[in-house]
PDB file of N, CA and C in Angstrom:
ATOM      1  N   UNK A   1     -67.063 -85.982  35.016  1.00  0.00           N
ATOM      2  CA  UNK A   1     -67.608 -87.273  35.397  1.00  0.00           C
ATOM      3  C   UNK A   1     -66.992 -88.315  34.495  1.00  0.00           C
ATOM      4  N   UNK A   2     -66.457 -89.343  35.065  1.00  0.00           N
ATOM      5  CA  UNK A   2     -65.843 -90.389  34.235  1.00  0.00           C
ATOM      6  C   UNK A   2     -66.869 -91.325  33.641  1.00  0.00           C
ATOM      7  N   UNK A   3     -66.417 -92.163  32.725  1.00  0.00           N
ATOM      8  CA  UNK A   3     -67.302 -93.090  32.035  1.00  0.00           C
ATOM      9  C   UNK A   3     -68.016 -94.087  32.951  1.00  0.00           C
ATOM     10  N   UNK A   4     -67.343 -94.542  33.954  1.00  0.00           N
ATOM     11  CA  UNK A   4     -67.970 -95.513  34.875  1.00  0.00           C
ATOM     12  C   UNK A   4     -69.129 -94.856  35.615  1.00  0.00           C
ATOM     13  N   UNK A   5     -68.890 -93.640  36.052  1.00  0.00           N
ATOM     14  CA  UNK A   5     -69.960 -92.899  36.767  1.00  0.00           C
ATOM     15  C   UNK A   5     -71.178 -92.688  35.809  1.00  0.00           C
ATOM     16  N   UNK A   6     -70.934 -92.354  34.631  1.00  0.00           N
ATOM     17  CA  UNK A   6     -72.002 -92.123  33.627  1.00  0.00           C
ATOM     18  C   UNK A   6     -72.773 -93.434  33.436  1.00  0.00           C
ATOM     19  N   UNK A   7     -72.029 -94.506  33.301  1.00  0.00           N
ATOM     20  CA  UNK A   7     -72.662 -95.843  33.088  1.00  0.00           C
ATOM     21  C   UNK A   7     -73.475 -96.208  34.311  1.00  0.00           C
ATOM     22  N   UNK A   8     -72.963 -95.984  35.525  1.00  0.00           N
ATOM     23  CA  UNK A   8     -73.699 -96.317  36.754  1.00  0.00           C
ATOM     24  C   UNK A   8     -75.004 -95.505  36.818  1.00  0.00           C
ATOM     25  N   UNK A   9     -74.943 -94.215  36.509  1.00  0.00           N
ATOM     26  CA  UNK A   9     -76.141 -93.373  36.575  1.00  0.00           C
ATOM     27  C   UNK A   9     -77.124 -93.813  35.461  1.00  0.00           C
ATOM     28  N   UNK A  10     -76.654 -94.197  34.328  1.00  0.00           N
ATOM     29  CA  UNK A  10     -77.552 -94.684  33.289  1.00  0.00           C
ATOM     30  C   UNK A  10     -78.257 -95.944  33.716  1.00  0.00           C
ATOM     31  N   UNK A  11     -77.517 -96.861  34.358  1.00  0.00           N
ATOM     32  CA  UNK A  11     -78.129 -98.114  34.818  1.00  0.00           C
ATOM     33  C   UNK A  11     -79.194 -97.824  35.884  1.00  0.00           C
ATOM     34  N   UNK A  12     -78.907 -96.913  36.779  1.00  0.00           N
ATOM     35  CA  UNK A  12     -79.906 -96.559  37.849  1.00  0.00           C
ATOM     36  C   UNK A  12     -81.164 -96.005  37.172  1.00  0.00           C
ATOM     37  N   UNK A  13     -81.000 -95.155  36.220  1.00  0.00           N
ATOM     38  CA  UNK A  13     -82.122 -94.580  35.539  1.00  0.00           C
ATOM     39  C   UNK A  13     -82.893 -95.635  34.735  1.00  0.00           C
ATOM     40  N   UNK A  14     -82.175 -96.541  34.076  1.00  0.00           N
ATOM     41  CA  UNK A  14     -82.801 -97.625  33.347  1.00  0.00           C
ATOM     42  C   UNK A  14     -83.565 -98.534  34.280  1.00  0.00           C
ATOM     43  N   UNK A  15     -83.004 -98.850  35.415  1.00  0.00           N
ATOM     44  CA  UNK A  15     -83.688 -99.690  36.402  1.00  0.00           C
ATOM     45  C   UNK A  15     -84.952 -99.001  36.941  1.00  0.00           C
ATOM     46  N   UNK A  16     -84.873 -97.762  37.225  1.00  0.00           N
ATOM     47  CA  UNK A  16     -86.028 -96.992  37.715  1.00  0.00           C
ATOM     48  C   UNK A  16     -87.129 -96.945  36.646  1.00  0.00           C
ATOM     49  N   UNK A  17     -86.755 -96.756  35.414  1.00  0.00           N
ATOM     50  CA  UNK A  17     -87.707 -96.746  34.303  1.00  0.00           C
ATOM     51  C   UNK A  17     -88.372 -98.086  34.164  1.00  0.00           C
ATOM     52  N   UNK A  18     -87.602 -99.173  34.205  1.00  0.00           N
ATOM     53  CA  UNK A  18     -88.103-100.510  34.056  1.00  0.00           C
ATOM     54  C   UNK A  18     -89.085-100.813  35.215  1.00  0.00           C
ATOM     55  N   UNK A  19     -88.765-100.421  36.417  1.00  0.00           N
ATOM     56  CA  UNK A  19     -89.632-100.630  37.580  1.00  0.00           C
ATOM     57  C   UNK A  19     -90.982 -99.868  37.382  1.00  0.00           C
ATOM     58  N   UNK A  20     -90.894 -98.635  36.900  1.00  0.00           N
ATOM     59  CA  UNK A  20     -92.104 -97.858  36.663  1.00  0.00           C
ATOM     60  C   UNK A  20     -92.985 -98.551  35.612  1.00  0.00           C
ATOM     61  N   UNK A  21     -92.379 -99.059  34.562  1.00  0.00           N
ATOM     62  CA  UNK A  21     -93.164 -99.766  33.544  1.00  0.00           C
ATOM     63  C   UNK A  21     -93.840-101.018  34.133  1.00  0.00           C
ATOM     64  N   UNK A  22     -93.128-101.741  34.967  1.00  0.00           N
ATOM     65  CA  UNK A  22     -93.692-102.938  35.588  1.00  0.00           C
ATOM     66  C   UNK A  22     -94.881-102.559  36.473  1.00  0.00           C
ATOM     67  N   UNK A  23     -94.772-101.428  37.178  1.00  0.00           N
ATOM     68  CA  UNK A  23     -95.843-100.980  38.041  1.00  0.00           C
ATOM     69  C   UNK A  23     -97.110-100.612  37.206  1.00  0.00           C
ATOM     70  N   UNK A  24     -96.825 -99.992  36.083  1.00  0.00           N
ATOM     71  CA  UNK A  24     -97.976 -99.587  35.197  1.00  0.00           C
ATOM     72  C   UNK A  24     -98.691-100.777  34.635  1.00  0.00           C
ATOM     73  N   UNK A  25     -97.966-101.856  34.382  1.00  0.00           N
ATOM     74  CA  UNK A  25     -98.568-103.068  33.794  1.00  0.00           C
ATOM     75  C   UNK A  25     -99.342-103.852  34.800  1.00  0.00           C
ATOM     76  N   UNK A  26     -99.164-103.657  36.092  1.00  0.00           N
ATOM     77  CA  UNK A  26     -99.906-104.405  37.105  1.00  0.00           C
ATOM     78  C   UNK A  26    -101.359-103.995  37.044  1.00  0.00           C
ATOM     79  N   UNK A  27    -102.268-105.017  37.101  1.00  0.00           N
ATOM     80  CA  UNK A  27    -103.691-104.696  37.191  1.00  0.00           C
ATOM     81  C   UNK A  27    -103.976-103.944  38.526  1.00  0.00           C
ATOM     82  N   UNK A  28    -104.913-103.092  38.486  1.00  0.00           N
ATOM     83  CA  UNK A  28    -105.320-102.317  39.706  1.00  0.00           C
ATOM     84  C   UNK A  28    -104.133-101.508  40.290  1.00  0.00           C
ATOM     85  N   UNK A  29    -103.232-101.115  39.392  1.00  0.00           N
ATOM     86  CA  UNK A  29    -102.114-100.267  39.854  1.00  0.00           C
ATOM     87  C   UNK A  29    -102.643 -98.887  40.258  1.00  0.00           C
ATOM     88  N   UNK A  30    -102.222 -98.394  41.386  1.00  0.00           N
ATOM     89  CA  UNK A  30    -102.652 -97.107  41.894  1.00  0.00           C
ATOM     90  C   UNK A  30    -101.458 -96.164  42.022  1.00  0.00           C
ATOM     91  N   UNK A  31    -100.839 -95.898  40.922  1.00  0.00           N
ATOM     92  CA  UNK A  31     -99.699 -94.977  40.939  1.00  0.00           C
ATOM     93  C   UNK A  31    -100.250 -93.555  40.942  1.00  0.00           C
ATOM     94  N   UNK A  32     -99.599 -92.701  41.686  1.00  0.00           N
ATOM     95  CA  UNK A  32     -99.938 -91.303  41.660  1.00  0.00           C
ATOM     96  C   UNK A  32     -99.094 -90.608  40.662  1.00  0.00           C
ATOM     97  N   UNK A  33     -99.570 -90.537  39.430  1.00  0.00           N
ATOM     98  CA  UNK A  33     -98.784 -89.963  38.334  1.00  0.00           C
ATOM     99  C   UNK A  33     -99.225 -88.509  38.154  1.00  0.00           C
ATOM    100  N   UNK A  34     -98.319 -87.564  38.299  1.00  0.00           N
ATOM    101  CA  UNK A  34     -98.693 -86.163  38.136  1.00  0.00           C
ATOM    102  C   UNK A  34     -99.086 -85.915  36.689  1.00  0.00           C
ATOM    103  N   UNK A  35    -100.152 -85.194  36.517  1.00  0.00           N
ATOM    104  CA  UNK A  35    -100.639 -84.903  35.154  1.00  0.00           C
ATOM    105  C   UNK A  35    -100.437 -83.458  34.729  1.00  0.00           C
ATOM    106  N   UNK A  36    -100.134 -82.589  35.635  1.00  0.00           N
ATOM    107  CA  UNK A  36     -99.952 -81.177  35.262  1.00  0.00           C
ATOM    108  C   UNK A  36    -101.279 -80.491  35.090  1.00  0.00           C
ATOM    109  N   UNK A  37    -101.233 -79.250  34.619  1.00  0.00           N
ATOM    110  CA  UNK A  37    -102.483 -78.504  34.410  1.00  0.00           C
ATOM    111  C   UNK A  37    -103.327 -79.113  33.287  1.00  0.00           C
ATOM    112  N   UNK A  38    -104.632 -78.900  33.324  1.00  0.00           N
ATOM    113  CA  UNK A  38    -105.469 -79.437  32.231  1.00  0.00           C
ATOM    114  C   UNK A  38    -105.101 -78.796  30.931  1.00  0.00           C
ATOM    115  N   UNK A  39    -105.218 -79.581  29.887  1.00  0.00           N
ATOM    116  CA  UNK A  39    -104.866 -79.114  28.543  1.00  0.00           C
ATOM    117  C   UNK A  39    -106.134 -78.549  27.928  1.00  0.00           C
ATOM    118  N   UNK A  40    -106.024 -77.319  27.486  1.00  0.00           N
ATOM    119  CA  UNK A  40    -107.178 -76.727  26.812  1.00  0.00           C
ATOM    120  C   UNK A  40    -107.123 -77.028  25.314  1.00  0.00           C
ATOM    121  N   UNK A  41    -108.278 -77.182  24.751  1.00  0.00           N
ATOM    122  CA  UNK A  41    -108.310 -77.489  23.320  1.00  0.00           C
ATOM    123  C   UNK A  41    -107.950 -76.239  22.523  1.00  0.00           C
ATOM    124  N   UNK A  42    -107.538 -76.422  21.310  1.00  0.00           N
ATOM    125  CA  UNK A  42    -107.227 -75.292  20.437  1.00  0.00           C
ATOM    126  C   UNK A  42    -108.426 -74.407  20.168  1.00  0.00           C
ATOM    127  N   UNK A  43    -109.582 -75.042  20.069  1.00  0.00           N
ATOM    128  CA  UNK A  43    -110.846 -74.256  19.853  1.00  0.00           C
ATOM    129  C   UNK A  43    -111.113 -73.374  21.025  1.00  0.00           C
ATOM    130  N   UNK A  44    -110.896 -73.903  22.249  1.00  0.00           N
ATOM    131  CA  UNK A  44    -111.163 -73.091  23.442  1.00  0.00           C
ATOM    132  C   UNK A  44    -110.189 -71.899  23.503  1.00  0.00           C
ATOM    133  N   UNK A  45    -108.920 -72.154  23.174  1.00  0.00           N
ATOM    134  CA  UNK A  45    -107.957 -71.054  23.160  1.00  0.00           C
ATOM    135  C   UNK A  45    -108.292 -69.989  22.141  1.00  0.00           C
ATOM    136  N   UNK A  46    -108.664 -70.466  20.898  1.00  0.00           N
ATOM    137  CA  UNK A  46    -109.037 -69.528  19.849  1.00  0.00           C
ATOM    138  C   UNK A  46    -110.283 -68.712  20.233  1.00  0.00           C
ATOM    139  N   UNK A  47    -111.237 -69.366  20.840  1.00  0.00           N
ATOM    140  CA  UNK A  47    -112.449 -68.638  21.301  1.00  0.00           C
ATOM    141  C   UNK A  47    -112.102 -67.593  22.353  1.00  0.00           C
ATOM    142  N   UNK A  48    -111.231 -67.963  23.283  1.00  0.00           N
ATOM    143  CA  UNK A  48    -110.792 -67.028  24.307  1.00  0.00           C
ATOM    144  C   UNK A  48    -110.054 -65.842  23.684  1.00  0.00           C
ATOM    145  N   UNK A  49    -109.165 -66.120  22.724  1.00  0.00           N
ATOM    146  CA  UNK A  49    -108.422 -65.041  22.064  1.00  0.00           C
ATOM    147  C   UNK A  49    -109.353 -64.096  21.291  1.00  0.00           C
ATOM    148  N   UNK A  50    -110.346 -64.741  20.624  1.00  0.00           N
ATOM    149  CA  UNK A  50    -111.343 -63.937  19.868  1.00  0.00           C
ATOM    150  C   UNK A  50    -112.095 -63.028  20.824  1.00  0.00           C
ATOM    151  N   UNK A  51    -112.502 -63.569  21.983  1.00  0.00           N
ATOM    152  CA  UNK A  51    -113.238 -62.771  22.964  1.00  0.00           C
ATOM    153  C   UNK A  51    -112.386 -61.618  23.474  1.00  0.00           C
ATOM    154  N   UNK A  52    -111.079 -61.872  23.673  1.00  0.00           N
ATOM    155  CA  UNK A  52    -110.178 -60.819  24.108  1.00  0.00           C
ATOM    156  C   UNK A  52    -110.029 -59.733  23.079  1.00  0.00           C
ATOM    157  N   UNK A  53    -109.931 -60.125  21.787  1.00  0.00           N
ATOM    158  CA  UNK A  53    -109.837 -59.119  20.702  1.00  0.00           C
ATOM    159  C   UNK A  53    -111.107 -58.288  20.644  1.00  0.00           C
ATOM    160  N   UNK A  54    -112.261 -58.948  20.791  1.00  0.00           N
ATOM    161  CA  UNK A  54    -113.532 -58.223  20.726  1.00  0.00           C
ATOM    162  C   UNK A  54    -113.638 -57.222  21.890  1.00  0.00           C
ATOM    163  N   UNK A  55    -113.218 -57.680  23.087  1.00  0.00           N
ATOM    164  CA  UNK A  55    -113.244 -56.794  24.244  1.00  0.00           C
ATOM    165  C   UNK A  55    -112.324 -55.566  24.051  1.00  0.00           C
ATOM    166  N   UNK A  56    -111.130 -55.836  23.510  1.00  0.00           N
ATOM    167  CA  UNK A  56    -110.173 -54.763  23.230  1.00  0.00           C
ATOM    168  C   UNK A  56    -110.762 -53.794  22.203  1.00  0.00           C
ATOM    169  N   UNK A  57    -111.426 -54.304  21.209  1.00  0.00           N
ATOM    170  CA  UNK A  57    -112.027 -53.466  20.167  1.00  0.00           C
ATOM    171  C   UNK A  57    -113.103 -52.605  20.790  1.00  0.00           C
ATOM    172  N   UNK A  58    -113.977 -53.220  21.585  1.00  0.00           N
ATOM    173  CA  UNK A  58    -115.036 -52.429  22.260  1.00  0.00           C
ATOM    174  C   UNK A  58    -114.476 -51.317  23.106  1.00  0.00           C
ATOM    175  N   UNK A  59    -113.435 -51.626  23.881  1.00  0.00           N
ATOM    176  CA  UNK A  59    -112.813 -50.642  24.742  1.00  0.00           C
ATOM    177  C   UNK A  59    -112.245 -49.497  23.934  1.00  0.00           C
ATOM    178  N   UNK A  60    -111.563 -49.837  22.851  1.00  0.00           N
ATOM    179  CA  UNK A  60    -110.980 -48.819  21.978  1.00  0.00           C
ATOM    180  C   UNK A  60    -112.033 -47.953  21.297  1.00  0.00           C
ATOM    181  N   UNK A  61    -113.106 -48.619  20.852  1.00  0.00           N
ATOM    182  CA  UNK A  61    -114.195 -47.906  20.214  1.00  0.00           C
ATOM    183  C   UNK A  61    -114.865 -46.951  21.195  1.00  0.00           C
ATOM    184  N   UNK A  62    -115.116 -47.416  22.413  1.00  0.00           N
ATOM    185  CA  UNK A  62    -115.737 -46.564  23.440  1.00  0.00           C
ATOM    186  C   UNK A  62    -114.865 -45.378  23.767  1.00  0.00           C
ATOM    187  N   UNK A  63    -113.557 -45.631  23.800  1.00  0.00           N
ATOM    188  CA  UNK A  63    -112.594 -44.566  24.087  1.00  0.00           C
ATOM    189  C   UNK A  63    -112.634 -43.502  22.992  1.00  0.00           C
ATOM    190  N   UNK A  64    -112.645 -43.961  21.765  1.00  0.00           N
ATOM    191  CA  UNK A  64    -112.700 -43.002  20.637  1.00  0.00           C
ATOM    192  C   UNK A  64    -114.026 -42.247  20.610  1.00  0.00           C
ATOM    193  N   UNK A  65    -115.122 -42.936  20.925  1.00  0.00           N
ATOM    194  CA  UNK A  65    -116.441 -42.285  20.992  1.00  0.00           C
ATOM    195  C   UNK A  65    -116.428 -41.171  22.020  1.00  0.00           C
ATOM    196  N   UNK A  66    -115.834 -41.401  23.160  1.00  0.00           N
ATOM    197  CA  UNK A  66    -115.761 -40.367  24.190  1.00  0.00           C
ATOM    198  C   UNK A  66    -114.849 -39.221  23.721  1.00  0.00           C
ATOM    199  N   UNK A  67    -113.694 -39.622  23.174  1.00  0.00           N
ATOM    200  CA  UNK A  67    -112.703 -38.590  22.742  1.00  0.00           C
ATOM    201  C   UNK A  67    -113.327 -37.634  21.726  1.00  0.00           C
ATOM    202  N   UNK A  68    -114.094 -38.175  20.761  1.00  0.00           N
ATOM    203  CA  UNK A  68    -114.666 -37.367  19.712  1.00  0.00           C
ATOM    204  C   UNK A  68    -116.151 -37.023  19.933  1.00  0.00           C
ATOM    205  N   UNK A  69    -116.650 -37.301  21.146  1.00  0.00           N
ATOM    206  CA  UNK A  69    -118.020 -36.990  21.534  1.00  0.00           C
ATOM    207  C   UNK A  69    -119.042 -37.501  20.498  1.00  0.00           C
ATOM    208  N   UNK A  70    -118.911 -38.755  20.155  1.00  0.00           N
ATOM    209  CA  UNK A  70    -119.853 -39.334  19.187  1.00  0.00           C
ATOM    210  C   UNK A  70    -120.842 -40.252  19.918  1.00  0.00           C
ATOM    211  N   UNK A  71    -122.113 -40.075  19.663  1.00  0.00           N
ATOM    212  CA  UNK A  71    -123.125 -40.921  20.299  1.00  0.00           C
ATOM    213  C   UNK A  71    -123.107 -42.338  19.699  1.00  0.00           C
ATOM    214  N   UNK A  72    -123.648 -43.226  20.445  1.00  0.00           N
ATOM    215  CA  UNK A  72    -123.683 -44.631  20.051  1.00  0.00           C
ATOM    216  C   UNK A  72    -124.462 -44.800  18.724  1.00  0.00           C
ATOM    217  N   UNK A  73    -125.569 -44.103  18.515  1.00  0.00           N
ATOM    218  CA  UNK A  73    -126.369 -44.206  17.307  1.00  0.00           C
ATOM    219  C   UNK A  73    -125.560 -43.797  16.086  1.00  0.00           C
ATOM    220  N   UNK A  74    -124.816 -42.730  16.218  1.00  0.00           N
ATOM    221  CA  UNK A  74    -123.984 -42.241  15.096  1.00  0.00           C
ATOM    222  C   UNK A  74    -122.910 -43.273  14.694  1.00  0.00           C
ATOM    223  N   UNK A  75    -122.279 -43.849  15.705  1.00  0.00           N
ATOM    224  CA  UNK A  75    -121.233 -44.822  15.428  1.00  0.00           C
ATOM    225  C   UNK A  75    -121.828 -46.102  14.852  1.00  0.00           C
ATOM    226  N   UNK A  76    -123.020 -46.530  15.372  1.00  0.00           N
ATOM    227  CA  UNK A  76    -123.673 -47.716  14.829  1.00  0.00           C
ATOM    228  C   UNK A  76    -124.049 -47.499  13.379  1.00  0.00           C
ATOM    229  N   UNK A  77    -124.549 -46.300  13.041  1.00  0.00           N
ATOM    230  CA  UNK A  77    -124.909 -45.958  11.648  1.00  0.00           C
ATOM    231  C   UNK A  77    -123.627 -46.046  10.760  1.00  0.00           C
ATOM    232  N   UNK A  78    -122.552 -45.462  11.253  1.00  0.00           N
ATOM    233  CA  UNK A  78    -121.274 -45.530  10.505  1.00  0.00           C
ATOM    234  C   UNK A  78    -120.808 -46.975  10.241  1.00  0.00           C
ATOM    235  N   UNK A  79    -120.905 -47.801  11.291  1.00  0.00           N
ATOM    236  CA  UNK A  79    -120.473 -49.186  11.124  1.00  0.00           C
ATOM    237  C   UNK A  79    -121.362 -49.933  10.155  1.00  0.00           C
ATOM    238  N   UNK A  80    -122.687 -49.709  10.189  1.00  0.00           N
ATOM    239  CA  UNK A  80    -123.610 -50.345   9.233  1.00  0.00           C
ATOM    240  C   UNK A  80    -123.296 -49.930   7.839  1.00  0.00           C
ATOM    241  N   UNK A  81    -123.030 -48.607   7.663  1.00  0.00           N
ATOM    242  CA  UNK A  81    -122.688 -48.114   6.306  1.00  0.00           C
ATOM    243  C   UNK A  81    -121.386 -48.759   5.811  1.00  0.00           C
ATOM    244  N   UNK A  82    -120.400 -48.810   6.664  1.00  0.00           N
ATOM    245  CA  UNK A  82    -119.124 -49.425   6.250  1.00  0.00           C
ATOM    246  C   UNK A  82    -119.303 -50.890   5.900  1.00  0.00           C
ATOM    247  N   UNK A  83    -120.112 -51.596   6.684  1.00  0.00           N
ATOM    248  CA  UNK A  83    -120.362 -53.005   6.407  1.00  0.00           C
ATOM    249  C   UNK A  83    -121.098 -53.155   5.054  1.00  0.00           C
ATOM    250  N   UNK A  84    -122.073 -52.340   4.816  1.00  0.00           N
ATOM    251  CA  UNK A  84    -122.854 -52.425   3.548  1.00  0.00           C
ATOM    252  C   UNK A  84    -121.952 -52.154   2.333  1.00  0.00           C
ATOM    253  N   UNK A  85    -120.960 -51.318   2.524  1.00  0.00           N
ATOM    254  CA  UNK A  85    -120.027 -51.004   1.429  1.00  0.00           C
ATOM    255  C   UNK A  85    -118.908 -52.077   1.294  1.00  0.00           C
ATOM    256  N   UNK A  86    -118.869 -53.007   2.221  1.00  0.00           N
ATOM    257  CA  UNK A  86    -117.865 -54.054   2.149  1.00  0.00           C
ATOM    258  C   UNK A  86    -116.526 -53.701   2.756  1.00  0.00           C
ATOM    259  N   UNK A  87    -116.495 -52.630   3.548  1.00  0.00           N
ATOM    260  CA  UNK A  87    -115.232 -52.220   4.145  1.00  0.00           C
ATOM    261  C   UNK A  87    -114.901 -53.003   5.400  1.00  0.00           C
ATOM    262  N   UNK A  88    -115.905 -53.605   6.034  1.00  0.00           N
ATOM    263  CA  UNK A  88    -115.688 -54.476   7.200  1.00  0.00           C
ATOM    264  C   UNK A  88    -116.560 -55.715   7.012  1.00  0.00           C
ATOM    265  N   UNK A  89    -116.102 -56.780   7.634  1.00  0.00           N
ATOM    266  CA  UNK A  89    -116.861 -58.061   7.482  1.00  0.00           C
ATOM    267  C   UNK A  89    -117.932 -58.169   8.528  1.00  0.00           C
TER     268      UNK A  89
END
């Protein structure tokens, strides 16, 4: 692409941008501006990730309980003991 063609395309883009700005400045402007998907807050994403980690932990724990034939009460007692000793938060 030669320099003239580049300059022409730049001017077209500049004109289109200037026109869009003028439209935005008009009172009662009804431009249909695409906004994309809604933006989730960081806190929402972190909460969702935490929930997924907890679900994965529960599934893994249940799987291990079945594999080693351990009842819920026994595992609950083990977890309480570990927590009291400071091994888990």
